[in-house]
């Protein structure tokens, strides 16, 4: 594995660790940017949508983790 690819993978693992969280956060930033600059939406609305996107990504990740584990009784 070349050093650039190792560096990118290490950066990804440091910041996100999970692709769903990384994508959800990136989508939240893009939607927030569009709402603020293109639609001139009020900041509280943008904040609610931003947090909703991030929490949605966390919920998807948690659901995937729970489905992937064997249940212990």
N, C-alpha and C. Protein backbone atom coordinates (compact mmCIF):
# COMPACT_ATOMS: atom_id res chain seq x y z
N UNK A 1 0.86 -1.16 0.00
CA UNK A 1 0.00 0.00 0.00
C UNK A 1 0.91 1.23 0.00
N UNK A 2 0.64 2.15 -0.90
CA UNK A 2 1.52 3.31 -0.98
C UNK A 2 1.24 4.30 0.16
N UNK A 3 2.18 5.16 0.44
CA UNK A 3 2.06 6.07 1.58
C UNK A 3 0.86 7.03 1.49
N UNK A 4 0.51 7.46 0.29
CA UNK A 4 -0.62 8.39 0.15
C UNK A 4 -1.92 7.69 0.53
N UNK A 5 -2.12 6.48 0.04
CA UNK A 5 -3.32 5.72 0.38
C UNK A 5 -3.38 5.41 1.87
N UNK A 6 -2.25 5.07 2.45
CA UNK A 6 -2.21 4.83 3.91
C UNK A 6 -2.56 6.10 4.68
N UNK A 7 -2.06 7.23 4.22
CA UNK A 7 -2.37 8.49 4.87
C UNK A 7 -3.85 8.84 4.77
N UNK A 8 -4.44 8.62 3.59
CA UNK A 8 -5.86 8.88 3.43
C UNK A 8 -6.70 7.96 4.31
N UNK A 9 -6.32 6.69 4.37
CA UNK A 9 -7.05 5.75 5.21
C UNK A 9 -6.92 6.11 6.69
N UNK A 10 -5.74 6.51 7.11
CA UNK A 10 -5.55 6.90 8.51
C UNK A 10 -6.37 8.15 8.84
N UNK A 11 -6.41 9.10 7.93
CA UNK A 11 -7.20 10.31 8.14
C UNK A 11 -8.68 9.97 8.23
N UNK A 12 -9.15 9.11 7.33
CA UNK A 12 -10.55 8.69 7.35
C UNK A 12 -10.88 7.99 8.67
N UNK A 13 -10.03 7.07 9.10
CA UNK A 13 -10.28 6.35 10.35
C UNK A 13 -10.24 7.28 11.55
N UNK A 14 -9.40 8.30 11.51
CA UNK A 14 -9.32 9.24 12.62
C UNK A 14 -10.57 10.10 12.72
N UNK A 15 -11.03 10.65 11.58
CA UNK A 15 -12.16 11.58 11.62
C UNK A 15 -13.51 10.89 11.68
N UNK A 16 -13.68 9.81 10.96
CA UNK A 16 -15.02 9.21 10.88
C UNK A 16 -15.06 7.81 11.46
N UNK A 17 -14.22 6.95 10.97
CA UNK A 17 -14.26 5.58 11.43
C UNK A 17 -15.40 4.80 10.82
N UNK A 18 -16.35 5.48 10.23
CA UNK A 18 -17.50 4.81 9.65
C UNK A 18 -17.97 5.64 8.46
N UNK A 19 -18.22 4.97 7.35
CA UNK A 19 -18.60 5.67 6.13
C UNK A 19 -19.95 6.37 6.27
N UNK A 20 -20.88 5.77 6.98
CA UNK A 20 -22.20 6.38 7.14
C UNK A 20 -22.08 7.71 7.88
N UNK A 21 -21.29 7.74 8.94
CA UNK A 21 -21.11 8.99 9.68
C UNK A 21 -20.42 10.06 8.83
N UNK A 22 -19.44 9.65 8.06
CA UNK A 22 -18.73 10.60 7.21
C UNK A 22 -19.67 11.18 6.17
N UNK A 23 -20.46 10.33 5.52
CA UNK A 23 -21.39 10.81 4.48
C UNK A 23 -22.48 11.68 5.10
N UNK A 24 -23.04 11.26 6.23
CA UNK A 24 -24.10 12.05 6.87
C UNK A 24 -23.60 13.43 7.26
N UNK A 25 -22.38 13.51 7.77
CA UNK A 25 -21.83 14.81 8.15
C UNK A 25 -21.57 15.67 6.92
N UNK A 26 -21.04 15.07 5.86
CA UNK A 26 -20.80 15.83 4.63
C UNK A 26 -22.11 16.33 4.04
N UNK A 27 -23.14 15.49 4.04
CA UNK A 27 -24.46 15.89 3.52
C UNK A 27 -25.03 17.02 4.38
N UNK A 28 -24.86 16.93 5.69
CA UNK A 28 -25.36 17.98 6.58
C UNK A 28 -24.69 19.32 6.25
N UNK A 29 -23.40 19.31 6.01
CA UNK A 29 -22.71 20.55 5.68
C UNK A 29 -23.16 21.10 4.34
N UNK A 30 -23.34 20.25 3.35
CA UNK A 30 -23.77 20.71 2.02
C UNK A 30 -25.19 21.28 2.09
N UNK A 31 -26.09 20.58 2.76
CA UNK A 31 -27.46 21.07 2.89
C UNK A 31 -27.47 22.39 3.66
N UNK A 32 -26.70 22.47 4.73
CA UNK A 32 -26.62 23.71 5.50
C UNK A 32 -26.10 24.86 4.66
N UNK A 33 -25.08 24.62 3.88
CA UNK A 33 -24.53 25.64 3.01
C UNK A 33 -25.56 26.12 2.00
N UNK A 34 -26.26 25.18 1.38
CA UNK A 34 -27.28 25.55 0.40
C UNK A 34 -28.43 26.33 1.04
N UNK A 35 -28.85 25.89 2.22
CA UNK A 35 -29.94 26.60 2.89
C UNK A 35 -29.56 28.02 3.28
N UNK A 36 -28.35 28.21 3.75
CA UNK A 36 -27.92 29.53 4.20
C UNK A 36 -27.68 30.47 3.03
N UNK A 37 -26.96 30.00 2.01
CA UNK A 37 -26.55 30.90 0.94
C UNK A 37 -27.56 30.99 -0.21
N UNK A 38 -28.17 29.89 -0.58
CA UNK A 38 -29.07 29.92 -1.73
C UNK A 38 -30.49 30.31 -1.34
N UNK A 39 -30.98 29.78 -0.23
CA UNK A 39 -32.36 30.02 0.15
C UNK A 39 -32.52 31.07 1.25
N UNK A 40 -31.40 31.52 1.80
CA UNK A 40 -31.42 32.52 2.88
C UNK A 40 -32.32 32.07 4.04
N UNK A 41 -32.22 30.78 4.40
CA UNK A 41 -33.03 30.22 5.48
C UNK A 41 -32.53 30.75 6.82
N UNK A 42 -33.43 30.86 7.80
CA UNK A 42 -32.99 31.33 9.12
C UNK A 42 -32.06 30.32 9.80
N UNK A 43 -31.13 30.83 10.57
CA UNK A 43 -30.12 29.98 11.20
C UNK A 43 -30.70 28.90 12.10
N UNK A 44 -31.75 29.17 12.90
CA UNK A 44 -32.29 28.09 13.73
C UNK A 44 -32.81 26.91 12.90
N UNK A 45 -33.43 27.19 11.77
CA UNK A 45 -33.91 26.12 10.89
C UNK A 45 -32.74 25.32 10.34
N UNK A 46 -31.70 26.00 9.93
CA UNK A 46 -30.51 25.33 9.39
C UNK A 46 -29.88 24.46 10.47
N UNK A 47 -29.81 24.96 11.69
CA UNK A 47 -29.23 24.20 12.80
C UNK A 47 -30.03 22.93 13.08
N UNK A 48 -31.34 23.04 13.06
CA UNK A 48 -32.19 21.87 13.31
C UNK A 48 -31.99 20.82 12.22
N UNK A 49 -31.95 21.25 10.98
CA UNK A 49 -31.76 20.31 9.86
C UNK A 49 -30.37 19.70 9.92
N UNK A 50 -29.35 20.50 10.25
CA UNK A 50 -27.99 20.00 10.36
C UNK A 50 -27.88 18.92 11.43
N UNK A 51 -28.40 19.22 12.61
CA UNK A 51 -28.36 18.24 13.71
C UNK A 51 -29.18 17.00 13.34
N UNK A 52 -30.31 17.20 12.66
CA UNK A 52 -31.12 16.06 12.23
C UNK A 52 -30.37 15.13 11.29
N UNK A 53 -29.61 15.70 10.36
CA UNK A 53 -28.82 14.87 9.44
C UNK A 53 -27.75 14.07 10.19
N UNK A 54 -27.07 14.71 11.11
CA UNK A 54 -26.02 14.03 11.86
C UNK A 54 -26.62 12.94 12.75
N UNK A 55 -27.71 13.25 13.44
CA UNK A 55 -28.36 12.26 14.30
C UNK A 55 -28.92 11.11 13.45
N UNK A 56 -29.43 11.42 12.27
CA UNK A 56 -29.88 10.36 11.36
C UNK A 56 -28.75 9.43 10.98
N UNK A 57 -27.57 9.98 10.71
CA UNK A 57 -26.41 9.15 10.40
C UNK A 57 -26.00 8.29 11.58
N UNK A 58 -26.06 8.87 12.77
CA UNK A 58 -25.74 8.09 13.98
C UNK A 58 -26.74 6.96 14.17
N UNK A 59 -28.03 7.24 13.93
CA UNK A 59 -29.06 6.21 14.08
C UNK A 59 -28.86 5.08 13.07
N UNK A 60 -28.52 5.44 11.84
CA UNK A 60 -28.25 4.41 10.83
C UNK A 60 -27.06 3.55 11.22
N UNK A 61 -26.01 4.18 11.71
CA UNK A 61 -24.82 3.43 12.13
C UNK A 61 -25.14 2.52 13.30
N UNK A 62 -25.86 3.03 14.28
CA UNK A 62 -26.22 2.21 15.43
C UNK A 62 -27.10 1.03 15.01
N UNK A 63 -28.06 1.27 14.14
CA UNK A 63 -28.90 0.19 13.65
C UNK A 63 -28.10 -0.88 12.93
N UNK A 64 -27.15 -0.45 12.13
CA UNK A 64 -26.30 -1.42 11.42
C UNK A 64 -25.46 -2.22 12.39
N UNK A 65 -24.93 -1.56 13.40
CA UNK A 65 -24.12 -2.25 14.40
C UNK A 65 -24.95 -3.27 15.17
N UNK A 66 -26.15 -2.89 15.54
CA UNK A 66 -27.01 -3.81 16.30
C UNK A 66 -27.43 -5.01 15.47
N UNK A 67 -27.69 -4.79 14.19
CA UNK A 67 -28.06 -5.91 13.31
C UNK A 67 -26.90 -6.86 13.08
N UNK A 68 -25.67 -6.35 13.13
CA UNK A 68 -24.50 -7.14 12.84
C UNK A 68 -24.04 -8.01 14.02
N UNK A 69 -24.50 -7.73 15.21
CA UNK A 69 -24.05 -8.47 16.39
C UNK A 69 -24.99 -9.64 16.66
N UNK A 70 -24.40 -10.69 17.19
CA UNK A 70 -25.22 -11.82 17.63
C UNK A 70 -25.82 -11.48 18.98
N UNK A 71 -27.06 -11.86 19.19
CA UNK A 71 -27.73 -11.56 20.45
C UNK A 71 -27.27 -12.53 21.52
N UNK A 72 -27.00 -11.99 22.69
CA UNK A 72 -26.59 -12.83 23.82
C UNK A 72 -27.75 -12.90 24.80
N UNK A 73 -28.00 -14.10 25.31
CA UNK A 73 -29.11 -14.25 26.26
C UNK A 73 -28.60 -14.68 27.61
